[in-house]
Amino acid sequence: MKRALLGLIVLITVVIIVFFGLGLYSETGSPPGLSNGQLAPCPDKPNCVSSESSPSDDHSIAAFPVTPGMGEEPLLKVKEVIELLGGDVNFSNEQYLASTFTSDLFGFVDDVEFRVDQGSGLLHVRSASRVGYSDMDANRKRVEQIRTLLINN
């Protein structure tokens, strides 16, 4: 009984150390940025969503319409919402915004990027975890939360 309990404690300790290590490792990355004028494609893992993925792809999420309420520079409004939600904007110009969100417990970093498509009047979005495989839909939920705040503000 004591041996099993000790084994369980060791296993839990190792898992916690690994998760903290992954959190630290995720801090070393950076947003992938634009590739040929578009947001980078999602990797073959379920922890990423992108409005520039094929609609039949599991990574697909709707782009944001640019509305008059966003003003002349829609990414300024996006920046406000990201900061309201606790994210950090790492880079921004008139066409592209890169931001990060860091989880509270283990410090996992997720990249959230936006690209203005003037021709279609859309804001394309990509949100992805830097490490791990599954995110339990955290990136999809975050994008929808940003969408809701942009529409209601």
N, C-alpha and C. Protein backbone atom coordinates (compact mmCIF):
# COMPACT_ATOMS: atom_id res chain seq x y z
N MET A 1 0.83 -1.20 0.00
CA MET A 1 0.00 0.00 0.00
C MET A 1 0.87 1.26 0.00
N LYS A 2 1.87 1.31 0.92
CA LYS A 2 2.76 2.46 0.99
C LYS A 2 3.57 2.59 -0.29
N ARG A 3 3.96 1.46 -0.86
CA ARG A 3 4.76 1.47 -2.09
C ARG A 3 3.92 2.03 -3.26
N ALA A 4 2.66 1.63 -3.32
CA ALA A 4 1.77 2.12 -4.39
C ALA A 4 1.54 3.63 -4.23
N LEU A 5 1.37 4.08 -3.01
CA LEU A 5 1.16 5.51 -2.75
C LEU A 5 2.41 6.30 -3.12
N LEU A 6 3.57 5.77 -2.76
CA LEU A 6 4.83 6.43 -3.11
C LEU A 6 4.99 6.49 -4.63
N GLY A 7 4.66 5.41 -5.32
CA GLY A 7 4.73 5.39 -6.78
C GLY A 7 3.81 6.42 -7.40
N LEU A 8 2.61 6.56 -6.85
CA LEU A 8 1.65 7.55 -7.34
C LEU A 8 2.17 8.97 -7.12
N ILE A 9 2.75 9.22 -5.98
CA ILE A 9 3.30 10.55 -5.68
C ILE A 9 4.44 10.87 -6.63
N VAL A 10 5.31 9.91 -6.90
CA VAL A 10 6.42 10.12 -7.83
C VAL A 10 5.88 10.40 -9.23
N LEU A 11 4.88 9.63 -9.67
CA LEU A 11 4.29 9.83 -10.99
C LEU A 11 3.68 11.22 -11.12
N ILE A 12 2.92 11.63 -10.14
CA ILE A 12 2.30 12.96 -10.16
C ILE A 12 3.37 14.05 -10.19
N THR A 13 4.43 13.88 -9.41
CA THR A 13 5.52 14.85 -9.38
C THR A 13 6.19 14.95 -10.75
N VAL A 14 6.45 13.82 -11.39
CA VAL A 14 7.08 13.82 -12.71
C VAL A 14 6.17 14.51 -13.72
N VAL A 15 4.88 14.23 -13.69
CA VAL A 15 3.94 14.86 -14.62
C VAL A 15 3.93 16.37 -14.43
N ILE A 16 3.90 16.82 -13.20
CA ILE A 16 3.90 18.26 -12.92
C ILE A 16 5.19 18.91 -13.43
N ILE A 17 6.33 18.26 -13.21
CA ILE A 17 7.60 18.80 -13.68
C ILE A 17 7.61 18.89 -15.20
N VAL A 18 7.11 17.86 -15.87
CA VAL A 18 7.05 17.86 -17.33
C VAL A 18 6.16 19.00 -17.83
N PHE A 19 5.01 19.19 -17.22
CA PHE A 19 4.11 20.26 -17.65
C PHE A 19 4.73 21.64 -17.43
N PHE A 20 5.41 21.84 -16.31
CA PHE A 20 6.09 23.12 -16.09
C PHE A 20 7.21 23.31 -17.11
N GLY A 21 7.91 22.23 -17.42
CA GLY A 21 8.96 22.30 -18.44
C GLY A 21 8.41 22.66 -19.80
N LEU A 22 7.28 22.07 -20.18
CA LEU A 22 6.63 22.42 -21.45
C LEU A 22 6.17 23.88 -21.46
N GLY A 23 5.68 24.33 -20.32
CA GLY A 23 5.28 25.73 -20.22
C GLY A 23 6.46 26.66 -20.44
N LEU A 24 7.59 26.35 -19.83
CA LEU A 24 8.79 27.16 -20.03
C LEU A 24 9.27 27.08 -21.48
N TYR A 25 9.22 25.90 -22.06
CA TYR A 25 9.63 25.73 -23.45
C TYR A 25 8.75 26.55 -24.39
N SER A 26 7.45 26.60 -24.11
CA SER A 26 6.54 27.34 -25.00
C SER A 26 6.82 28.83 -24.99
N GLU A 27 7.47 29.33 -23.95
CA GLU A 27 7.83 30.75 -23.88
C GLU A 27 8.93 31.11 -24.87
N THR A 28 9.67 30.12 -25.35
CA THR A 28 10.80 30.40 -26.23
C THR A 28 10.40 30.59 -27.69
N GLY A 29 9.18 30.24 -28.04
CA GLY A 29 8.73 30.35 -29.43
C GLY A 29 8.28 31.75 -29.78
N SER A 30 7.75 31.87 -30.98
CA SER A 30 7.19 33.14 -31.43
C SER A 30 6.06 32.84 -32.41
N PRO A 31 5.16 33.80 -32.61
CA PRO A 31 4.09 33.59 -33.58
C PRO A 31 4.68 33.31 -34.95
N PRO A 32 4.06 32.41 -35.73
CA PRO A 32 4.64 32.07 -37.03
C PRO A 32 4.60 33.18 -38.05
N GLY A 33 3.72 34.16 -37.89
CA GLY A 33 3.66 35.28 -38.83
C GLY A 33 2.98 34.92 -40.13
N LEU A 34 3.18 35.77 -41.11
CA LEU A 34 2.54 35.59 -42.41
C LEU A 34 3.42 34.75 -43.33
N SER A 35 2.76 33.97 -44.18
CA SER A 35 3.44 33.16 -45.17
C SER A 35 2.74 33.40 -46.51
N ASN A 36 3.45 34.02 -47.44
CA ASN A 36 2.85 34.39 -48.73
C ASN A 36 1.60 35.25 -48.55
N GLY A 37 1.65 36.15 -47.59
CA GLY A 37 0.55 37.09 -47.36
C GLY A 37 -0.62 36.53 -46.59
N GLN A 38 -0.53 35.28 -46.13
CA GLN A 38 -1.61 34.68 -45.35
C GLN A 38 -1.07 34.19 -44.02
N LEU A 39 -1.99 33.91 -43.09
CA LEU A 39 -1.59 33.34 -41.82
C LEU A 39 -1.06 31.92 -42.06
N ALA A 40 -0.12 31.51 -41.25
CA ALA A 40 0.48 30.18 -41.41
C ALA A 40 -0.59 29.10 -41.27
N PRO A 41 -0.45 28.01 -42.01
CA PRO A 41 -1.40 26.91 -41.86
C PRO A 41 -1.29 26.27 -40.49
N CYS A 42 -2.36 25.65 -40.04
CA CYS A 42 -2.34 24.93 -38.77
C CYS A 42 -1.56 23.63 -38.93
N PRO A 43 -0.84 23.24 -37.87
CA PRO A 43 -0.19 21.93 -37.91
C PRO A 43 -1.23 20.82 -37.82
N ASP A 44 -0.81 19.60 -37.97
CA ASP A 44 -1.72 18.46 -37.95
C ASP A 44 -2.01 18.04 -36.50
N LYS A 45 -2.48 19.00 -35.70
CA LYS A 45 -2.85 18.75 -34.32
C LYS A 45 -4.15 19.51 -34.05
N PRO A 46 -4.98 19.04 -33.13
CA PRO A 46 -6.26 19.71 -32.88
C PRO A 46 -6.17 20.97 -32.03
N ASN A 47 -4.98 21.48 -31.75
CA ASN A 47 -4.84 22.65 -30.88
C ASN A 47 -4.66 23.95 -31.65
N CYS A 48 -5.29 24.04 -32.83
CA CYS A 48 -5.15 25.23 -33.68
C CYS A 48 -6.44 25.44 -34.46
N VAL A 49 -6.82 26.71 -34.61
CA VAL A 49 -7.94 27.08 -35.49
C VAL A 49 -7.48 28.22 -36.38
N SER A 50 -8.03 28.26 -37.60
CA SER A 50 -7.67 29.32 -38.53
C SER A 50 -8.81 29.58 -39.50
N SER A 51 -9.06 30.86 -39.74
CA SER A 51 -10.09 31.23 -40.71
C SER A 51 -9.59 31.05 -42.14
N GLU A 52 -8.30 30.79 -42.30
CA GLU A 52 -7.76 30.56 -43.63
C GLU A 52 -7.59 29.08 -43.94
N SER A 53 -8.11 28.23 -43.06
CA SER A 53 -8.16 26.79 -43.33
C SER A 53 -9.35 26.52 -44.23
N SER A 54 -9.30 25.42 -44.92
CA SER A 54 -10.42 25.00 -45.76
C SER A 54 -11.66 24.81 -44.90
N PRO A 55 -12.84 25.24 -45.36
CA PRO A 55 -14.07 25.09 -44.56
C PRO A 55 -14.34 23.65 -44.12
N SER A 56 -13.85 22.67 -44.85
CA SER A 56 -14.09 21.27 -44.48
C SER A 56 -13.05 20.76 -43.47
N ASP A 57 -12.06 21.57 -43.16
CA ASP A 57 -10.99 21.22 -42.24
C ASP A 57 -11.47 21.42 -40.80
N ASP A 58 -11.07 20.51 -39.90
CA ASP A 58 -11.44 20.63 -38.48
C ASP A 58 -10.87 21.89 -37.84
N HIS A 59 -9.84 22.48 -38.44
CA HIS A 59 -9.22 23.70 -37.91
C HIS A 59 -9.99 24.96 -38.29
N SER A 60 -10.94 24.84 -39.18
CA SER A 60 -11.62 26.01 -39.73
C SER A 60 -12.47 26.74 -38.70
N ILE A 61 -12.41 28.05 -38.77
CA ILE A 61 -13.25 28.93 -37.95
C ILE A 61 -13.56 30.15 -38.81
N ALA A 62 -14.69 30.76 -38.60
CA ALA A 62 -15.10 31.90 -39.42
C ALA A 62 -14.22 33.11 -39.18
N ALA A 63 -13.94 33.83 -40.27
CA ALA A 63 -13.24 35.12 -40.17
C ALA A 63 -14.18 36.14 -39.54
N PHE A 64 -13.63 37.27 -39.12
CA PHE A 64 -14.41 38.34 -38.52
C PHE A 64 -14.71 39.38 -39.59
N PRO A 65 -15.96 39.80 -39.72
CA PRO A 65 -16.22 40.91 -40.66
C PRO A 65 -15.70 42.22 -40.07
N VAL A 66 -15.11 43.04 -40.91
CA VAL A 66 -14.70 44.37 -40.48
C VAL A 66 -15.95 45.23 -40.48
N THR A 67 -16.28 45.79 -39.33
CA THR A 67 -17.50 46.59 -39.19
C THR A 67 -17.15 48.06 -38.96
N PRO A 68 -18.08 48.96 -39.26
CA PRO A 68 -17.83 50.38 -39.01
C PRO A 68 -17.47 50.68 -37.55
N GLY A 69 -18.00 49.88 -36.62
CA GLY A 69 -17.71 50.09 -35.20
C GLY A 69 -16.25 49.86 -34.84
N MET A 70 -15.50 49.23 -35.74
CA MET A 70 -14.08 48.99 -35.49
C MET A 70 -13.22 50.19 -35.85
N GLY A 71 -13.80 51.15 -36.53
CA GLY A 71 -13.06 52.36 -36.90
C GLY A 71 -12.18 52.15 -38.12
N GLU A 72 -11.32 53.13 -38.35
CA GLU A 72 -10.44 53.13 -39.51
C GLU A 72 -9.40 52.02 -39.46
N GLU A 73 -8.94 51.67 -38.26
CA GLU A 73 -7.92 50.64 -38.09
C GLU A 73 -8.48 49.53 -37.20
N PRO A 74 -9.08 48.51 -37.80
CA PRO A 74 -9.74 47.48 -37.01
C PRO A 74 -8.83 46.75 -36.03
N LEU A 75 -7.54 46.67 -36.34
CA LEU A 75 -6.65 45.95 -35.44
C LEU A 75 -6.44 46.69 -34.12
N LEU A 76 -6.69 48.00 -34.09
CA LEU A 76 -6.64 48.73 -32.81
C LEU A 76 -7.75 48.25 -31.88
N LYS A 77 -8.91 47.98 -32.44
CA LYS A 77 -10.03 47.46 -31.65
C LYS A 77 -9.71 46.03 -31.18
N VAL A 78 -9.13 45.23 -32.07
CA VAL A 78 -8.74 43.86 -31.71
C VAL A 78 -7.72 43.92 -30.57
N LYS A 79 -6.77 44.84 -30.65
CA LYS A 79 -5.75 44.99 -29.60
C LYS A 79 -6.41 45.27 -28.24
N GLU A 80 -7.40 46.16 -28.22
CA GLU A 80 -8.11 46.48 -26.98
C GLU A 80 -8.75 45.23 -26.38
N VAL A 81 -9.40 44.43 -27.22
CA VAL A 81 -10.07 43.22 -26.74
C VAL A 81 -9.06 42.21 -26.23
N ILE A 82 -7.97 42.03 -26.93
CA ILE A 82 -6.93 41.08 -26.50
C ILE A 82 -6.40 41.48 -25.13
N GLU A 83 -6.11 42.75 -24.96
CA GLU A 83 -5.59 43.22 -23.67
C GLU A 83 -6.65 43.10 -22.58
N LEU A 84 -7.91 43.32 -22.92
CA LEU A 84 -9.01 43.16 -21.96
C LEU A 84 -9.08 41.72 -21.46
N LEU A 85 -8.79 40.76 -22.34
CA LEU A 85 -8.84 39.34 -21.99
C LEU A 85 -7.54 38.84 -21.35
N GLY A 86 -6.56 39.72 -21.17
CA GLY A 86 -5.33 39.33 -20.51
C GLY A 86 -4.21 38.90 -21.44
N GLY A 87 -4.39 39.10 -22.74
CA GLY A 87 -3.35 38.76 -23.70
C GLY A 87 -2.34 39.88 -23.85
N ASP A 88 -1.23 39.56 -24.47
CA ASP A 88 -0.18 40.54 -24.74
C ASP A 88 -0.02 40.69 -26.25
N VAL A 89 -0.05 41.93 -26.73
CA VAL A 89 0.19 42.18 -28.14
C VAL A 89 1.69 42.32 -28.33
N ASN A 90 2.26 41.44 -29.17
CA ASN A 90 3.71 41.42 -29.37
C ASN A 90 4.14 42.22 -30.60
N PHE A 91 3.26 42.33 -31.59
CA PHE A 91 3.57 43.06 -32.81
C PHE A 91 2.25 43.48 -33.45
N SER A 92 2.25 44.70 -34.00
CA SER A 92 1.05 45.16 -34.69
C SER A 92 1.42 46.23 -35.71
N ASN A 93 0.83 46.11 -36.89
CA ASN A 93 0.88 47.19 -37.87
C ASN A 93 -0.52 47.30 -38.47
N GLU A 94 -0.70 47.98 -39.57
CA GLU A 94 -2.04 48.18 -40.11
C GLU A 94 -2.66 46.90 -40.68
N GLN A 95 -1.84 45.91 -41.02
CA GLN A 95 -2.34 44.70 -41.68
C GLN A 95 -2.26 43.43 -40.84
N TYR A 96 -1.43 43.42 -39.79
CA TYR A 96 -1.17 42.18 -39.06
C TYR A 96 -0.96 42.46 -37.58
N LEU A 97 -1.48 41.56 -36.74
CA LEU A 97 -1.31 41.66 -35.30
C LEU A 97 -0.96 40.29 -34.76
N ALA A 98 0.07 40.23 -33.94
CA ALA A 98 0.48 38.99 -33.27
C ALA A 98 0.38 39.19 -31.76
N SER A 99 -0.29 38.26 -31.10
CA SER A 99 -0.44 38.35 -29.65
C SER A 99 -0.25 36.97 -29.02
N THR A 100 -0.07 36.97 -27.72
CA THR A 100 0.06 35.72 -26.97
C THR A 100 -0.83 35.74 -25.75
N PHE A 101 -1.28 34.57 -25.39
CA PHE A 101 -2.01 34.33 -24.15
C PHE A 101 -1.26 33.25 -23.39
N THR A 102 -1.11 33.42 -22.08
CA THR A 102 -0.37 32.48 -21.26
C THR A 102 -1.30 31.90 -20.21
N SER A 103 -1.32 30.55 -20.11
CA SER A 103 -2.20 29.90 -19.13
C SER A 103 -1.69 30.16 -17.73
N ASP A 104 -2.61 30.19 -16.79
CA ASP A 104 -2.26 30.52 -15.41
C ASP A 104 -1.41 29.45 -14.73
N LEU A 105 -1.81 28.19 -14.82
CA LEU A 105 -1.19 27.16 -14.01
C LEU A 105 0.21 26.77 -14.47
N PHE A 106 0.36 26.37 -15.72
CA PHE A 106 1.66 25.88 -16.19
C PHE A 106 2.39 26.87 -17.10
N GLY A 107 1.75 27.96 -17.47
CA GLY A 107 2.41 28.97 -18.29
C GLY A 107 2.49 28.62 -19.77
N PHE A 108 1.58 27.77 -20.27
CA PHE A 108 1.57 27.45 -21.69
C PHE A 108 1.24 28.70 -22.50
N VAL A 109 1.94 28.90 -23.60
CA VAL A 109 1.74 30.08 -24.44
C VAL A 109 1.00 29.67 -25.71
N ASP A 110 -0.06 30.42 -26.01
CA ASP A 110 -0.82 30.27 -27.26
C ASP A 110 -0.63 31.54 -28.08
N ASP A 111 -0.48 31.39 -29.38
CA ASP A 111 -0.37 32.52 -30.30
C ASP A 111 -1.74 32.81 -30.90
N VAL A 112 -2.12 34.09 -30.93
CA VAL A 112 -3.35 34.52 -31.60
C VAL A 112 -2.95 35.63 -32.57
N GLU A 113 -3.23 35.38 -33.85
CA GLU A 113 -2.82 36.32 -34.90
C GLU A 113 -4.02 36.75 -35.73
N PHE A 114 -3.96 37.98 -36.21
CA PHE A 114 -5.00 38.53 -37.08
C PHE A 114 -4.36 39.15 -38.31
N ARG A 115 -5.05 39.01 -39.43
CA ARG A 115 -4.61 39.63 -40.68
C ARG A 115 -5.80 40.32 -41.32
N VAL A 116 -5.63 41.59 -41.68
CA VAL A 116 -6.68 42.34 -42.35
C VAL A 116 -6.66 42.00 -43.84
N ASP A 117 -7.81 41.60 -44.36
CA ASP A 117 -7.97 41.35 -45.80
C ASP A 117 -8.85 42.47 -46.35
N GLN A 118 -8.22 43.53 -46.84
CA GLN A 118 -8.95 44.71 -47.31
C GLN A 118 -9.93 44.36 -48.43
N GLY A 119 -9.51 43.47 -49.34
CA GLY A 119 -10.34 43.13 -50.49
C GLY A 119 -11.67 42.51 -50.12
N SER A 120 -11.67 41.67 -49.10
CA SER A 120 -12.91 41.00 -48.71
C SER A 120 -13.58 41.66 -47.51
N GLY A 121 -12.90 42.61 -46.86
CA GLY A 121 -13.47 43.25 -45.68
C GLY A 121 -13.51 42.31 -44.48
N LEU A 122 -12.53 41.41 -44.39
CA LEU A 122 -12.49 40.44 -43.30
C LEU A 122 -11.22 40.55 -42.48
N LEU A 123 -11.34 40.14 -41.24
CA LEU A 123 -10.19 39.94 -40.36
C LEU A 123 -10.00 38.44 -40.26
N HIS A 124 -8.89 37.93 -40.78
CA HIS A 124 -8.60 36.51 -40.64
C HIS A 124 -7.90 36.30 -39.32
N VAL A 125 -8.12 35.14 -38.72
CA VAL A 125 -7.59 34.84 -37.40
C VAL A 125 -6.98 33.45 -37.39
N ARG A 126 -5.92 33.30 -36.60
CA ARG A 126 -5.29 32.01 -36.34
C ARG A 126 -4.95 31.98 -34.86
N SER A 127 -5.34 30.92 -34.18
CA SER A 127 -5.02 30.77 -32.76
C SER A 127 -4.52 29.36 -32.55
N ALA A 128 -3.31 29.23 -31.97
CA ALA A 128 -2.70 27.92 -31.83
C ALA A 128 -1.84 27.82 -30.58
N SER A 129 -1.80 26.62 -30.02
CA SER A 129 -0.91 26.33 -28.90
C SER A 129 0.49 26.08 -29.44
N ARG A 130 1.48 26.53 -28.72
CA ARG A 130 2.86 26.30 -29.16
C ARG A 130 3.36 24.89 -28.85
N VAL A 131 2.85 24.29 -27.80
CA VAL A 131 3.28 22.95 -27.41
C VAL A 131 2.05 22.08 -27.17
N GLY A 132 2.28 20.80 -27.13
CA GLY A 132 1.22 19.86 -26.81
C GLY A 132 0.45 19.42 -28.04
N TYR A 133 -0.58 18.66 -27.81
CA TYR A 133 -1.38 18.11 -28.88
C TYR A 133 -2.81 18.65 -28.83
N SER A 134 -3.52 18.33 -27.78
CA SER A 134 -4.90 18.80 -27.64
C SER A 134 -4.94 20.01 -26.72
N ASP A 135 -5.91 20.86 -26.96
CA ASP A 135 -6.08 22.03 -26.08
C ASP A 135 -7.48 22.09 -25.50
N MET A 136 -8.25 21.01 -25.67
CA MET A 136 -9.63 20.94 -25.19
C MET A 136 -10.44 22.12 -25.71
N ASP A 137 -10.20 22.51 -26.96
CA ASP A 137 -10.90 23.59 -27.66
C ASP A 137 -10.64 24.98 -27.07
N ALA A 138 -9.57 25.16 -26.32
CA ALA A 138 -9.28 26.46 -25.71
C ALA A 138 -9.08 27.55 -26.76
N ASN A 139 -8.39 27.24 -27.86
CA ASN A 139 -8.14 28.26 -28.88
C ASN A 139 -9.43 28.64 -29.60
N ARG A 140 -10.27 27.67 -29.92
CA ARG A 140 -11.56 27.97 -30.57
C ARG A 140 -12.42 28.83 -29.64
N LYS A 141 -12.48 28.47 -28.37
CA LYS A 141 -13.28 29.24 -27.41
C LYS A 141 -12.75 30.67 -27.27
N ARG A 142 -11.42 30.83 -27.26
CA ARG A 142 -10.84 32.16 -27.14
C ARG A 142 -11.21 33.03 -28.34
N VAL A 143 -11.11 32.46 -29.54
CA VAL A 143 -11.46 33.22 -30.74
C VAL A 143 -12.93 33.63 -30.69
N GLU A 144 -13.80 32.74 -30.26
CA GLU A 144 -15.23 33.09 -30.19
C GLU A 144 -15.48 34.14 -29.11
N GLN A 145 -14.70 34.10 -28.03
CA GLN A 145 -14.82 35.13 -26.99
C GLN A 145 -14.39 36.49 -27.55
N ILE A 146 -13.30 36.51 -28.31
CA ILE A 146 -12.85 37.74 -28.95
C ILE A 146 -13.92 38.25 -29.91
N ARG A 147 -14.50 37.34 -30.70
CA ARG A 147 -15.56 37.70 -31.64
C ARG A 147 -16.74 38.38 -30.92
N THR A 148 -17.18 37.76 -29.84
CA THR A 148 -18.30 38.30 -29.06
C THR A 148 -18.00 39.70 -28.54
N LEU A 149 -16.80 39.89 -28.00
CA LEU A 149 -16.44 41.20 -27.47
C LEU A 149 -16.31 42.25 -28.58
N LEU A 150 -15.81 41.85 -29.74
CA LEU A 150 -15.71 42.81 -30.85
C LEU A 150 -17.09 43.23 -31.34
N ILE A 151 -18.00 42.28 -31.38
CA ILE A 151 -19.35 42.58 -31.87
C ILE A 151 -20.11 43.45 -30.87
N ASN A 152 -19.93 43.20 -29.58
CA ASN A 152 -20.70 43.91 -28.56
C ASN A 152 -20.05 45.20 -28.07
N ASN A 153 -18.89 45.54 -28.57
CA ASN A 153 -18.23 46.79 -28.11
C ASN A 153 -18.15 47.80 -29.21
